[in-house]
Amino acid sequence: MNSEELKQAYTLADDLFDNLAAEIHPVNVEKGFWAEPVMMDKYAAKLALIHSEVTEVLEALRKSQGADKVTEEFADILIRTFDLYGTLVEDGEAEPWLYDIMREKMETNKNRAPKHGNRWG
């Protein structure tokens, strides 16, 4: 992909993450994942679920379960992440411009020292 095509792709994706969160979160509400009361420990439980999906990627790699399984587990990570992000935006705990912030962080990381100046990566 050349730089012009890449730029066009970024333009098309400007609100992609926020749109995904807006699409994913209501489904999870409907399925009972956000039943009342919503408390800070519920946010913590959702973060733990994201962590468990990360562990499932590790297990899929460790057990040589194949590229399809690894990709499926990454999809689970993103679904749970966008669900929690959507909730945190609704609750005023996060800002609704994740994609823009991610692009800024990626640019910042381009200019950082190798391993961000740390001994281990």
PDB file of N, CA and C in Angstrom:
ATOM      1  N   MET A   1       0.853  -1.169   0.000  1.00  0.00           N
ATOM      2  CA  MET A   1       0.000   0.000   0.000  1.00  0.00           C
ATOM      3  C   MET A   1       0.903   1.238   0.000  1.00  0.00           C
ATOM      4  N   ASN A   2       0.711   2.115  -0.965  1.00  0.00           N
ATOM      5  CA  ASN A   2       1.540   3.323  -1.019  1.00  0.00           C
ATOM      6  C   ASN A   2       1.026   4.359  -0.026  1.00  0.00           C
ATOM      7  N   SER A   3       1.776   5.435   0.141  1.00  0.00           N
ATOM      8  CA  SER A   3       1.437   6.419   1.169  1.00  0.00           C
ATOM      9  C   SER A   3       0.100   7.107   0.908  1.00  0.00           C
ATOM     10  N   GLU A   4      -0.256   7.322  -0.337  1.00  0.00           N
ATOM     11  CA  GLU A   4      -1.543   7.951  -0.658  1.00  0.00           C
ATOM     12  C   GLU A   4      -2.704   7.013  -0.307  1.00  0.00           C
ATOM     13  N   GLU A   5      -2.541   5.726  -0.619  1.00  0.00           N
ATOM     14  CA  GLU A   5      -3.572   4.750  -0.266  1.00  0.00           C
ATOM     15  C   GLU A   5      -3.701   4.620   1.248  1.00  0.00           C
ATOM     16  N   LEU A   6      -2.570   4.643   1.935  1.00  0.00           N
ATOM     17  CA  LEU A   6      -2.577   4.571   3.387  1.00  0.00           C
ATOM     18  C   LEU A   6      -3.281   5.780   3.989  1.00  0.00           C
ATOM     19  N   LYS A   7      -2.985   6.957   3.481  1.00  0.00           N
ATOM     20  CA  LYS A   7      -3.625   8.192   3.954  1.00  0.00           C
ATOM     21  C   LYS A   7      -5.138   8.116   3.751  1.00  0.00           C
ATOM     22  N   GLN A   8      -5.567   7.611   2.594  1.00  0.00           N
ATOM     23  CA  GLN A   8      -6.990   7.478   2.301  1.00  0.00           C
ATOM     24  C   GLN A   8      -7.642   6.485   3.268  1.00  0.00           C
ATOM     25  N   ALA A   9      -6.949   5.400   3.554  1.00  0.00           N
ATOM     26  CA  ALA A   9      -7.482   4.408   4.490  1.00  0.00           C
ATOM     27  C   ALA A   9      -7.651   5.022   5.873  1.00  0.00           C
ATOM     28  N   TYR A  10      -6.677   5.824   6.322  1.00  0.00           N
ATOM     29  CA  TYR A  10      -6.790   6.475   7.621  1.00  0.00           C
ATOM     30  C   TYR A  10      -7.951   7.452   7.642  1.00  0.00           C
ATOM     31  N   THR A  11      -8.167   8.168   6.539  1.00  0.00           N
ATOM     32  CA  THR A  11      -9.270   9.108   6.459  1.00  0.00           C
ATOM     33  C   THR A  11     -10.605   8.380   6.592  1.00  0.00           C
ATOM     34  N   LEU A  12     -10.733   7.234   5.937  1.00  0.00           N
ATOM     35  CA  LEU A  12     -11.968   6.460   6.009  1.00  0.00           C
ATOM     36  C   LEU A  12     -12.209   5.893   7.403  1.00  0.00           C
ATOM     37  N   ALA A  13     -11.135   5.686   8.148  1.00  0.00           N
ATOM     38  CA  ALA A  13     -11.245   5.037   9.450  1.00  0.00           C
ATOM     39  C   ALA A  13     -11.306   6.010  10.616  1.00  0.00           C
ATOM     40  N   ASP A  14     -11.414   7.312  10.360  1.00  0.00           N
ATOM     41  CA  ASP A  14     -11.333   8.302  11.423  1.00  0.00           C
ATOM     42  C   ASP A  14     -12.154   7.956  12.663  1.00  0.00           C
ATOM     43  N   ASP A  15     -13.389   7.560  12.484  1.00  0.00           N
ATOM     44  CA  ASP A  15     -14.250   7.259  13.622  1.00  0.00           C
ATOM     45  C   ASP A  15     -14.511   5.774  13.782  1.00  0.00           C
ATOM     46  N   LEU A  16     -13.700   4.957  13.131  1.00  0.00           N
ATOM     47  CA  LEU A  16     -13.925   3.520  13.130  1.00  0.00           C
ATOM     48  C   LEU A  16     -14.043   2.941  14.529  1.00  0.00           C
ATOM     49  N   PHE A  17     -13.101   3.244  15.408  1.00  0.00           N
ATOM     50  CA  PHE A  17     -13.116   2.644  16.738  1.00  0.00           C
ATOM     51  C   PHE A  17     -14.338   3.072  17.528  1.00  0.00           C
ATOM     52  N   ASP A  18     -14.663   4.362  17.470  1.00  0.00           N
ATOM     53  CA  ASP A  18     -15.828   4.829  18.206  1.00  0.00           C
ATOM     54  C   ASP A  18     -17.109   4.235  17.631  1.00  0.00           C
ATOM     55  N   ASN A  19     -17.160   4.059  16.312  1.00  0.00           N
ATOM     56  CA  ASN A  19     -18.322   3.427  15.697  1.00  0.00           C
ATOM     57  C   ASN A  19     -18.430   1.964  16.102  1.00  0.00           C
ATOM     58  N   LEU A  20     -17.291   1.277  16.158  1.00  0.00           N
ATOM     59  CA  LEU A  20     -17.313  -0.119  16.613  1.00  0.00           C
ATOM     60  C   LEU A  20     -17.809  -0.208  18.051  1.00  0.00           C
ATOM     61  N   ALA A  21     -17.305   0.662  18.910  1.00  0.00           N
ATOM     62  CA  ALA A  21     -17.749   0.666  20.308  1.00  0.00           C
ATOM     63  C   ALA A  21     -19.251   0.925  20.392  1.00  0.00           C
ATOM     64  N   ALA A  22     -19.737   1.875  19.598  1.00  0.00           N
ATOM     65  CA  ALA A  22     -21.168   2.201  19.604  1.00  0.00           C
ATOM     66  C   ALA A  22     -22.016   1.039  19.095  1.00  0.00           C
ATOM     67  N   GLU A  23     -21.457   0.211  18.227  1.00  0.00           N
ATOM     68  CA  GLU A  23     -22.180  -0.947  17.709  1.00  0.00           C
ATOM     69  C   GLU A  23     -22.095  -2.139  18.664  1.00  0.00           C
ATOM     70  N   ILE A  24     -20.931  -2.365  19.250  1.00  0.00           N
ATOM     71  CA  ILE A  24     -20.707  -3.530  20.108  1.00  0.00           C
ATOM     72  C   ILE A  24     -21.401  -3.390  21.453  1.00  0.00           C
ATOM     73  N   HIS A  25     -21.281  -2.219  22.081  1.00  0.00           N
ATOM     74  CA  HIS A  25     -21.777  -2.062  23.452  1.00  0.00           C
ATOM     75  C   HIS A  25     -23.277  -2.330  23.605  1.00  0.00           C
ATOM     76  N   PRO A  26     -24.158  -1.783  22.758  1.00  0.00           N
ATOM     77  CA  PRO A  26     -25.595  -2.064  22.947  1.00  0.00           C
ATOM     78  C   PRO A  26     -25.943  -3.549  22.865  1.00  0.00           C
ATOM     79  N   VAL A  27     -25.240  -4.290  22.033  1.00  0.00           N
ATOM     80  CA  VAL A  27     -25.482  -5.736  21.945  1.00  0.00           C
ATOM     81  C   VAL A  27     -25.131  -6.398  23.275  1.00  0.00           C
ATOM     82  N   ASN A  28     -24.014  -5.982  23.871  1.00  0.00           N
ATOM     83  CA  ASN A  28     -23.614  -6.571  25.146  1.00  0.00           C
ATOM     84  C   ASN A  28     -24.538  -6.155  26.278  1.00  0.00           C
ATOM     85  N   VAL A  29     -25.096  -4.950  26.201  1.00  0.00           N
ATOM     86  CA  VAL A  29     -26.109  -4.531  27.178  1.00  0.00           C
ATOM     87  C   VAL A  29     -27.331  -5.441  27.035  1.00  0.00           C
ATOM     88  N   GLU A  30     -27.785  -5.627  25.796  1.00  0.00           N
ATOM     89  CA  GLU A  30     -28.954  -6.471  25.529  1.00  0.00           C
ATOM     90  C   GLU A  30     -28.739  -7.900  26.016  1.00  0.00           C
ATOM     91  N   LYS A  31     -27.511  -8.388  25.934  1.00  0.00           N
ATOM     92  CA  LYS A  31     -27.204  -9.756  26.335  1.00  0.00           C
ATOM     93  C   LYS A  31     -26.923  -9.889  27.827  1.00  0.00           C
ATOM     94  N   GLY A  32     -27.078  -8.790  28.585  1.00  0.00           N
ATOM     95  CA  GLY A  32     -26.988  -8.854  30.042  1.00  0.00           C
ATOM     96  C   GLY A  32     -25.619  -8.644  30.644  1.00  0.00           C
ATOM     97  N   PHE A  33     -24.629  -8.279  29.827  1.00  0.00           N
ATOM     98  CA  PHE A  33     -23.287  -8.096  30.369  1.00  0.00           C
ATOM     99  C   PHE A  33     -23.135  -6.829  31.191  1.00  0.00           C
ATOM    100  N   TRP A  34     -24.112  -5.917  31.134  1.00  0.00           N
ATOM    101  CA  TRP A  34     -24.031  -4.657  31.874  1.00  0.00           C
ATOM    102  C   TRP A  34     -25.279  -4.449  32.735  1.00  0.00           C
ATOM    103  N   ALA A  35     -25.815  -5.527  33.295  1.00  0.00           N
ATOM    104  CA  ALA A  35     -26.997  -5.416  34.150  1.00  0.00           C
ATOM    105  C   ALA A  35     -26.668  -4.553  35.369  1.00  0.00           C
ATOM    106  N   GLU A  36     -27.655  -3.846  35.857  1.00  0.00           N
ATOM    107  CA  GLU A  36     -27.466  -2.971  37.014  1.00  0.00           C
ATOM    108  C   GLU A  36     -27.066  -3.794  38.226  1.00  0.00           C
ATOM    109  N   PRO A  37     -26.386  -3.242  39.187  1.00  0.00           N
ATOM    110  CA  PRO A  37     -25.793  -1.906  39.141  1.00  0.00           C
ATOM    111  C   PRO A  37     -24.412  -1.937  38.482  1.00  0.00           C
ATOM    112  N   VAL A  38     -24.085  -0.873  37.777  1.00  0.00           N
ATOM    113  CA  VAL A  38     -22.752  -0.736  37.189  1.00  0.00           C
ATOM    114  C   VAL A  38     -21.884  -0.001  38.205  1.00  0.00           C
ATOM    115  N   MET A  39     -20.882  -0.701  38.718  1.00  0.00           N
ATOM    116  CA  MET A  39     -19.989  -0.128  39.718  1.00  0.00           C
ATOM    117  C   MET A  39     -18.555  -0.263  39.224  1.00  0.00           C
ATOM    118  N   MET A  40     -17.636   0.398  39.903  1.00  0.00           N
ATOM    119  CA  MET A  40     -16.233   0.354  39.500  1.00  0.00           C
ATOM    120  C   MET A  40     -15.712  -1.081  39.475  1.00  0.00           C
ATOM    121  N   ASP A  41     -16.172  -1.943  40.385  1.00  0.00           N
ATOM    122  CA  ASP A  41     -15.687  -3.321  40.358  1.00  0.00           C
ATOM    123  C   ASP A  41     -16.185  -4.037  39.107  1.00  0.00           C
ATOM    124  N   LYS A  42     -17.271  -3.568  38.524  1.00  0.00           N
ATOM    125  CA  LYS A  42     -17.734  -4.152  37.260  1.00  0.00           C
ATOM    126  C   LYS A  42     -16.770  -3.778  36.143  1.00  0.00           C
ATOM    127  N   TYR A  43     -16.255  -2.544  36.165  1.00  0.00           N
ATOM    128  CA  TYR A  43     -15.221  -2.171  35.192  1.00  0.00           C
ATOM    129  C   TYR A  43     -14.002  -3.082  35.362  1.00  0.00           C
ATOM    130  N   ALA A  44     -13.635  -3.319  36.611  1.00  0.00           N
ATOM    131  CA  ALA A  44     -12.475  -4.175  36.881  1.00  0.00           C
ATOM    132  C   ALA A  44     -12.718  -5.587  36.365  1.00  0.00           C
ATOM    133  N   ALA A  45     -13.929  -6.083  36.536  1.00  0.00           N
ATOM    134  CA  ALA A  45     -14.253  -7.421  36.044  1.00  0.00           C
ATOM    135  C   ALA A  45     -14.136  -7.471  34.519  1.00  0.00           C
ATOM    136  N   LYS A  46     -14.561  -6.406  33.843  1.00  0.00           N
ATOM    137  CA  LYS A  46     -14.454  -6.369  32.377  1.00  0.00           C
ATOM    138  C   LYS A  46     -12.988  -6.328  31.944  1.00  0.00           C
ATOM    139  N   LEU A  47     -12.164  -5.585  32.682  1.00  0.00           N
ATOM    140  CA  LEU A  47     -10.731  -5.573  32.376  1.00  0.00           C
ATOM    141  C   LEU A  47     -10.126  -6.961  32.570  1.00  0.00           C
ATOM    142  N   ALA A  48     -10.591  -7.682  33.587  1.00  0.00           N
ATOM    143  CA  ALA A  48     -10.106  -9.045  33.810  1.00  0.00           C
ATOM    144  C   ALA A  48     -10.520  -9.962  32.651  1.00  0.00           C
ATOM    145  N   LEU A  49     -11.715  -9.742  32.100  1.00  0.00           N
ATOM    146  CA  LEU A  49     -12.141 -10.534  30.952  1.00  0.00           C
ATOM    147  C   LEU A  49     -11.271 -10.253  29.726  1.00  0.00           C
ATOM    148  N   ILE A  50     -10.876  -8.984  29.548  1.00  0.00           N
ATOM    149  CA  ILE A  50      -9.957  -8.656  28.455  1.00  0.00           C
ATOM    150  C   ILE A  50      -8.642  -9.399  28.662  1.00  0.00           C
ATOM    151  N   HIS A  51      -8.165  -9.377  29.892  1.00  0.00           N
ATOM    152  CA  HIS A  51      -6.927 -10.082  30.224  1.00  0.00           C
ATOM    153  C   HIS A  51      -7.053 -11.571  29.922  1.00  0.00           C
ATOM    154  N   SER A  52      -8.199 -12.157  30.245  1.00  0.00           N
ATOM    155  CA  SER A  52      -8.367 -13.592  29.983  1.00  0.00           C
ATOM    156  C   SER A  52      -8.343 -13.891  28.486  1.00  0.00           C
ATOM    157  N   GLU A  53      -8.864 -12.959  27.671  1.00  0.00           N
ATOM    158  CA  GLU A  53      -8.808 -13.156  26.214  1.00  0.00           C
ATOM    159  C   GLU A  53      -7.357 -13.080  25.721  1.00  0.00           C
ATOM    160  N   VAL A  54      -6.555 -12.199  26.329  1.00  0.00           N
ATOM    161  CA  VAL A  54      -5.127 -12.118  25.972  1.00  0.00           C
ATOM    162  C   VAL A  54      -4.452 -13.447  26.294  1.00  0.00           C
ATOM    163  N   THR A  55      -4.791 -14.013  27.436  1.00  0.00           N
ATOM    164  CA  THR A  55      -4.232 -15.303  27.821  1.00  0.00           C
ATOM    165  C   THR A  55      -4.647 -16.388  26.829  1.00  0.00           C
ATOM    166  N   GLU A  56      -5.853 -16.293  26.296  1.00  0.00           N
ATOM    167  CA  GLU A  56      -6.293 -17.276  25.314  1.00  0.00           C
ATOM    168  C   GLU A  56      -5.482 -17.183  24.018  1.00  0.00           C
ATOM    169  N   VAL A  57      -5.023 -15.986  23.647  1.00  0.00           N
ATOM    170  CA  VAL A  57      -4.114 -15.862  22.496  1.00  0.00           C
ATOM    171  C   VAL A  57      -2.817 -16.604  22.808  1.00  0.00           C
ATOM    172  N   LEU A  58      -2.286 -16.364  23.998  1.00  0.00           N
ATOM    173  CA  LEU A  58      -1.054 -17.032  24.403  1.00  0.00           C
ATOM    174  C   LEU A  58      -1.221 -18.547  24.356  1.00  0.00           C
ATOM    175  N   GLU A  59      -2.327 -19.045  24.866  1.00  0.00           N
ATOM    176  CA  GLU A  59      -2.569 -20.486  24.868  1.00  0.00           C
ATOM    177  C   GLU A  59      -2.718 -21.035  23.450  1.00  0.00           C
ATOM    178  N   ALA A  60      -3.396 -20.292  22.586  1.00  0.00           N
ATOM    179  CA  ALA A  60      -3.542 -20.741  21.195  1.00  0.00           C
ATOM    180  C   ALA A  60      -2.174 -20.846  20.514  1.00  0.00           C
ATOM    181  N   LEU A  61      -1.293 -19.892  20.813  1.00  0.00           N
ATOM    182  CA  LEU A  61       0.062 -19.953  20.254  1.00  0.00           C
ATOM    183  C   LEU A  61       0.853 -21.098  20.882  1.00  0.00           C
ATOM    184  N   ARG A  62       0.767 -21.202  22.211  1.00  0.00           N
ATOM    185  CA  ARG A  62       1.526 -22.222  22.934  1.00  0.00           C
ATOM    186  C   ARG A  62       1.131 -23.626  22.506  1.00  0.00           C
ATOM    187  N   LYS A  63      -0.156 -23.825  22.257  1.00  0.00           N
ATOM    188  CA  LYS A  63      -0.666 -25.148  21.900  1.00  0.00           C
ATOM    189  C   LYS A  63      -0.760 -25.367  20.391  1.00  0.00           C
ATOM    190  N   SER A  64      -0.208 -24.418  19.628  1.00  0.00           N
ATOM    191  CA  SER A  64      -0.215 -24.510  18.158  1.00  0.00           C
ATOM    192  C   SER A  64      -1.613 -24.808  17.618  1.00  0.00           C
ATOM    193  N   GLN A  65      -2.587 -24.002  18.049  1.00  0.00           N
ATOM    194  CA  GLN A  65      -3.976 -24.218  17.645  1.00  0.00           C
ATOM    195  C   GLN A  65      -4.304 -23.595  16.286  1.00  0.00           C
ATOM    196  N   GLY A  66      -3.335 -22.930  15.686  1.00  0.00           N
ATOM    197  CA  GLY A  66      -3.527 -22.412  14.342  1.00  0.00           C
ATOM    198  C   GLY A  66      -3.841 -20.920  14.277  1.00  0.00           C
ATOM    199  N   ALA A  67      -3.574 -20.385  13.095  1.00  0.00           N
ATOM    200  CA  ALA A  67      -3.750 -18.947  12.868  1.00  0.00           C
ATOM    201  C   ALA A  67      -5.206 -18.520  13.030  1.00  0.00           C
ATOM    202  N   ASP A  68      -6.148 -19.375  12.634  1.00  0.00           N
ATOM    203  CA  ASP A  68      -7.568 -19.023  12.774  1.00  0.00           C
ATOM    204  C   ASP A  68      -7.936 -18.817  14.240  1.00  0.00           C
ATOM    205  N   LYS A  69      -7.464 -19.700  15.110  1.00  0.00           N
ATOM    206  CA  LYS A  69      -7.769 -19.594  16.547  1.00  0.00           C
ATOM    207  C   LYS A  69      -7.132 -18.334  17.134  1.00  0.00           C
ATOM    208  N   VAL A  70      -5.886 -18.052  16.758  1.00  0.00           N
ATOM    209  CA  VAL A  70      -5.208 -16.854  17.251  1.00  0.00           C
ATOM    210  C   VAL A  70      -5.992 -15.611  16.835  1.00  0.00           C
ATOM    211  N   THR A  71      -6.392 -15.552  15.577  1.00  0.00           N
ATOM    212  CA  THR A  71      -7.132 -14.403  15.072  1.00  0.00           C
ATOM    213  C   THR A  71      -8.485 -14.278  15.765  1.00  0.00           C
ATOM    214  N   GLU A  72      -9.151 -15.390  16.000  1.00  0.00           N
ATOM    215  CA  GLU A  72     -10.440 -15.389  16.704  1.00  0.00           C
ATOM    216  C   GLU A  72     -10.282 -14.804  18.106  1.00  0.00           C
ATOM    217  N   GLU A  73      -9.218 -15.190  18.791  1.00  0.00           N
ATOM    218  CA  GLU A  73      -8.998 -14.682  20.144  1.00  0.00           C
ATOM    219  C   GLU A  73      -8.676 -13.183  20.128  1.00  0.00           C
ATOM    220  N   PHE A  74      -7.949 -12.713  19.110  1.00  0.00           N
ATOM    221  CA  PHE A  74      -7.716 -11.272  18.986  1.00  0.00           C
ATOM    222  C   PHE A  74      -9.042 -10.536  18.775  1.00  0.00           C
ATOM    223  N   ALA A  75      -9.934 -11.129  17.996  1.00  0.00           N
ATOM    224  CA  ALA A  75     -11.256 -10.521  17.804  1.00  0.00           C
ATOM    225  C   ALA A  75     -11.980 -10.406  19.147  1.00  0.00           C
ATOM    226  N   ASP A  76     -11.879 -11.444  19.988  1.00  0.00           N
ATOM    227  CA  ASP A  76     -12.497 -11.387  21.318  1.00  0.00           C
ATOM    228  C   ASP A  76     -11.909 -10.266  22.166  1.00  0.00           C
ATOM    229  N   ILE A  77     -10.592 -10.086  22.091  1.00  0.00           N
ATOM    230  CA  ILE A  77      -9.943  -8.990  22.829  1.00  0.00           C
ATOM    231  C   ILE A  77     -10.546  -7.651  22.400  1.00  0.00           C
ATOM    232  N   LEU A  78     -10.637  -7.452  21.091  1.00  0.00           N
ATOM    233  CA  LEU A  78     -11.154  -6.170  20.586  1.00  0.00           C
ATOM    234  C   LEU A  78     -12.624  -5.978  20.928  1.00  0.00           C
ATOM    235  N   ILE A  79     -13.426  -7.027  20.824  1.00  0.00           N
ATOM    236  CA  ILE A  79     -14.846  -6.909  21.162  1.00  0.00           C
ATOM    237  C   ILE A  79     -15.008  -6.511  22.617  1.00  0.00           C
ATOM    238  N   ARG A  80     -14.329  -7.198  23.511  1.00  0.00           N
ATOM    239  CA  ARG A  80     -14.445  -6.860  24.942  1.00  0.00           C
ATOM    240  C   ARG A  80     -13.881  -5.467  25.232  1.00  0.00           C
ATOM    241  N   THR A  81     -12.798  -5.100  24.545  1.00  0.00           N
ATOM    242  CA  THR A  81     -12.189  -3.787  24.750  1.00  0.00           C
ATOM    243  C   THR A  81     -13.122  -2.675  24.287  1.00  0.00           C
ATOM    244  N   PHE A  82     -13.685  -2.809  23.087  1.00  0.00           N
ATOM    245  CA  PHE A  82     -14.589  -1.776  22.580  1.00  0.00           C
ATOM    246  C   PHE A  82     -15.867  -1.708  23.404  1.00  0.00           C
ATOM    247  N   ASP A  83     -16.328  -2.832  23.927  1.00  0.00           N
ATOM    248  CA  ASP A  83     -17.502  -2.826  24.793  1.00  0.00           C
ATOM    249  C   ASP A  83     -17.221  -2.001  26.055  1.00  0.00           C
ATOM    250  N   LEU A  84     -16.107  -2.286  26.711  1.00  0.00           N
ATOM    251  CA  LEU A  84     -15.768  -1.539  27.918  1.00  0.00           C
ATOM    252  C   LEU A  84     -15.535  -0.065  27.603  1.00  0.00           C
ATOM    253  N   TYR A  85     -14.819   0.205  26.534  1.00  0.00           N
ATOM    254  CA  TYR A  85     -14.582   1.594  26.130  1.00  0.00           C
ATOM    255  C   TYR A  85     -15.909   2.320  25.897  1.00  0.00           C
ATOM    256  N   GLY A  86     -16.848   1.685  25.190  1.00  0.00           N
ATOM    257  CA  GLY A  86     -18.150   2.307  24.951  1.00  0.00           C
ATOM    258  C   GLY A  86     -18.879   2.634  26.247  1.00  0.00           C
ATOM    259  N   THR A  87     -18.807   1.737  27.206  1.00  0.00           N
ATOM    260  CA  THR A  87     -19.426   1.983  28.507  1.00  0.00           C
ATOM    261  C   THR A  87     -18.749   3.137  29.232  1.00  0.00           C
ATOM    262  N   LEU A  88     -17.422   3.135  29.231  1.00  0.00           N
ATOM    263  CA  LEU A  88     -16.696   4.202  29.915  1.00  0.00           C
ATOM    264  C   LEU A  88     -16.973   5.559  29.280  1.00  0.00           C
ATOM    265  N   VAL A  89     -17.139   5.610  27.960  1.00  0.00           N
ATOM    266  CA  VAL A  89     -17.514   6.862  27.297  1.00  0.00           C
ATOM    267  C   VAL A  89     -18.901   7.284  27.762  1.00  0.00           C
ATOM    268  N   GLU A  90     -19.868   6.359  27.741  1.00  0.00           N
ATOM    269  CA  GLU A  90     -21.227   6.668  28.195  1.00  0.00           C
ATOM    270  C   GLU A  90     -21.240   7.196  29.622  1.00  0.00           C
ATOM    271  N   ASP A  91     -20.389   6.627  30.470  1.00  0.00           N
ATOM    272  CA  ASP A  91     -20.351   7.001  31.879  1.00  0.00           C
ATOM    273  C   ASP A  91     -19.467   8.215  32.154  1.00  0.00           C
ATOM    274  N   GLY A  92     -18.887   8.810  31.120  1.00  0.00           N
ATOM    275  CA  GLY A  92     -18.034   9.980  31.299  1.00  0.00           C
ATOM    276  C   GLY A  92     -16.659   9.668  31.852  1.00  0.00           C
ATOM    277  N   GLU A  93     -16.261   8.397  31.794  1.00  0.00           N
ATOM    278  CA  GLU A  93     -14.963   7.983  32.325  1.00  0.00           C
ATOM    279  C   GLU A  93     -13.890   7.936  31.240  1.00  0.00           C
ATOM    280  N   ALA A  94     -14.282   8.083  29.963  1.00  0.00           N
ATOM    281  CA  ALA A  94     -13.341   8.092  28.835  1.00  0.00           C
ATOM    282  C   ALA A  94     -13.860   9.083  27.803  1.00  0.00           C
ATOM    283  N   GLU A  95     -12.970   9.560  26.986  1.00  0.00           N
ATOM    284  CA  GLU A  95     -13.322  10.509  25.926  1.00  0.00           C
ATOM    285  C   GLU A  95     -13.697   9.755  24.652  1.00  0.00           C
ATOM    286  N   PRO A  96     -14.629  10.290  23.861  1.00  0.00           N
ATOM    287  CA  PRO A  96     -15.119   9.576  22.678  1.00  0.00           C
ATOM    288  C   PRO A  96     -14.310   9.813  21.410  1.00  0.00           C
ATOM    289  N   TRP A  97     -13.006   9.754  21.517  1.00  0.00           N
ATOM    290  CA  TRP A  97     -12.194   9.886  20.304  1.00  0.00           C
ATOM    291  C   TRP A  97     -10.971   8.978  20.373  1.00  0.00           C
ATOM    292  N   LEU A  98     -11.234   7.722  20.581  1.00  0.00           N
ATOM    293  CA  LEU A  98     -10.178   6.727  20.731  1.00  0.00           C
ATOM    294  C   LEU A  98      -9.275   6.653  19.511  1.00  0.00           C
ATOM    295  N   TYR A  99      -9.859   6.665  18.330  1.00  0.00           N
ATOM    296  CA  TYR A  99      -9.046   6.543  17.119  1.00  0.00           C
ATOM    297  C   TYR A  99      -8.037   7.681  17.028  1.00  0.00           C
ATOM    298  N   ASP A 100      -8.478   8.910  17.257  1.00  0.00           N
ATOM    299  CA  ASP A 100      -7.572  10.056  17.182  1.00  0.00           C
ATOM    300  C   ASP A 100      -6.441   9.939  18.201  1.00  0.00           C
ATOM    301  N   ILE A 101      -6.782   9.537  19.402  1.00  0.00           N
ATOM    302  CA  ILE A 101      -5.766   9.392  20.456  1.00  0.00           C
ATOM    303  C   ILE A 101      -4.799   8.267  20.099  1.00  0.00           C
ATOM    304  N   MET A 102      -5.323   7.193  19.542  1.00  0.00           N
ATOM    305  CA  MET A 102      -4.445   6.095  19.140  1.00  0.00           C
ATOM    306  C   MET A 102      -3.467   6.544  18.058  1.00  0.00           C
ATOM    307  N   ARG A 103      -3.942   7.311  17.089  1.00  0.00           N
ATOM    308  CA  ARG A 103      -3.060   7.821  16.037  1.00  0.00           C
ATOM    309  C   ARG A 103      -1.982   8.719  16.649  1.00  0.00           C
ATOM    310  N   GLU A 104      -2.362   9.575  17.608  1.00  0.00           N
ATOM    311  CA  GLU A 104      -1.384  10.439  18.280  1.00  0.00           C
ATOM    312  C   GLU A 104      -0.339   9.609  19.016  1.00  0.00           C
ATOM    313  N   LYS A 105      -0.784   8.576  19.730  1.00  0.00           N
ATOM    314  CA  LYS A 105       0.148   7.706  20.462  1.00  0.00           C
ATOM    315  C   LYS A 105       1.086   6.983  19.507  1.00  0.00           C
ATOM    316  N   MET A 106       0.569   6.546  18.367  1.00  0.00           N
ATOM    317  CA  MET A 106       1.418   5.870  17.381  1.00  0.00           C
ATOM    318  C   MET A 106       2.490   6.820  16.867  1.00  0.00           C
ATOM    319  N   GLU A 107       2.132   8.070  16.647  1.00  0.00           N
ATOM    320  CA  GLU A 107       3.102   9.070  16.188  1.00  0.00           C
ATOM    321  C   GLU A 107       4.142   9.343  17.275  1.00  0.00           C
ATOM    322  N   THR A 108       3.685   9.459  18.516  1.00  0.00           N
ATOM    323  CA  THR A 108       4.611   9.648  19.639  1.00  0.00           C
ATOM    324  C   THR A 108       5.591   8.485  19.720  1.00  0.00           C
ATOM    325  N   ASN A 109       5.087   7.268  19.584  1.00  0.00           N
ATOM    326  CA  ASN A 109       5.944   6.082  19.685  1.00  0.00           C
ATOM    327  C   ASN A 109       6.985   6.019  18.573  1.00  0.00           C
ATOM    328  N   LYS A 110       6.663   6.571  17.404  1.00  0.00           N
ATOM    329  CA  LYS A 110       7.645   6.614  16.314  1.00  0.00           C
ATOM    330  C   LYS A 110       8.881   7.409  16.713  1.00  0.00           C
ATOM    331  N   ASN A 111       8.704   8.387  17.576  1.00  0.00           N
ATOM    332  CA  ASN A 111       9.791   9.282  17.960  1.00  0.00           C
ATOM    333  C   ASN A 111      10.457   8.902  19.279  1.00  0.00           C
ATOM    334  N   ARG A 112      10.044   7.816  19.875  1.00  0.00           N
ATOM    335  CA  ARG A 112      10.615   7.402  21.159  1.00  0.00           C
ATOM    336  C   ARG A 112      11.867   6.558  20.927  1.00  0.00           C
ATOM    337  N   ALA A 113      12.652   6.452  21.955  1.00  0.00           N
ATOM    338  CA  ALA A 113      13.872   5.629  21.904  1.00  0.00           C
ATOM    339  C   ALA A 113      13.495   4.154  21.769  1.00  0.00           C
ATOM    340  N   PRO A 114      14.412   3.333  21.241  1.00  0.00           N
ATOM    341  CA  PRO A 114      14.140   1.892  21.199  1.00  0.00           C
ATOM    342  C   PRO A 114      13.727   1.368  22.566  1.00  0.00           C
ATOM    343  N   LYS A 115      12.708   0.531  22.569  1.00  0.00           N
ATOM    344  CA  LYS A 115      12.140  -0.038  23.805  1.00  0.00           C
ATOM    345  C   LYS A 115      11.720   1.061  24.771  1.00  0.00           C
ATOM    346  N   HIS A 116      11.460   2.240  24.218  1.00  0.00           N
ATOM    347  CA  HIS A 116      11.037   3.422  24.993  1.00  0.00           C
ATOM    348  C   HIS A 116      12.043   3.758  26.085  1.00  0.00           C
ATOM    349  N   GLY A 117      13.302   3.455  25.811  1.00  0.00           N
ATOM    350  CA  GLY A 117      14.373   3.787  26.749  1.00  0.00           C
ATOM    351  C   GLY A 117      14.549   2.777  27.869  1.00  0.00           C
ATOM    352  N   ASN A 118      13.812   1.680  27.822  1.00  0.00           N
ATOM    353  CA  ASN A 118      13.897   0.662  28.860  1.00  0.00           C
ATOM    354  C   ASN A 118      14.831  -0.462  28.439  1.00  0.00           C
ATOM    355  N   ARG A 119      15.245  -1.239  29.396  1.00  0.00           N
ATOM    356  CA  ARG A 119      16.178  -2.329  29.148  1.00  0.00           C
ATOM    357  C   ARG A 119      15.516  -3.490  28.411  1.00  0.00           C
ATOM    358  N   TRP A 120      14.262  -3.793  28.772  1.00  0.00           N
ATOM    359  CA  TRP A 120      13.528  -4.895  28.148  1.00  0.00           C
ATOM    360  C   TRP A 120      12.348  -4.339  27.386  1.00  0.00           C
ATOM    361  N   GLY A 121      11.955  -5.054  26.341  1.00  0.00           N
ATOM    362  CA  GLY A 121      10.827  -4.623  25.524  1.00  0.00           C
ATOM    363  C   GLY A 121       9.604  -5.345  25.885  1.00  0.00           C
TER     364      GLY A 121
END
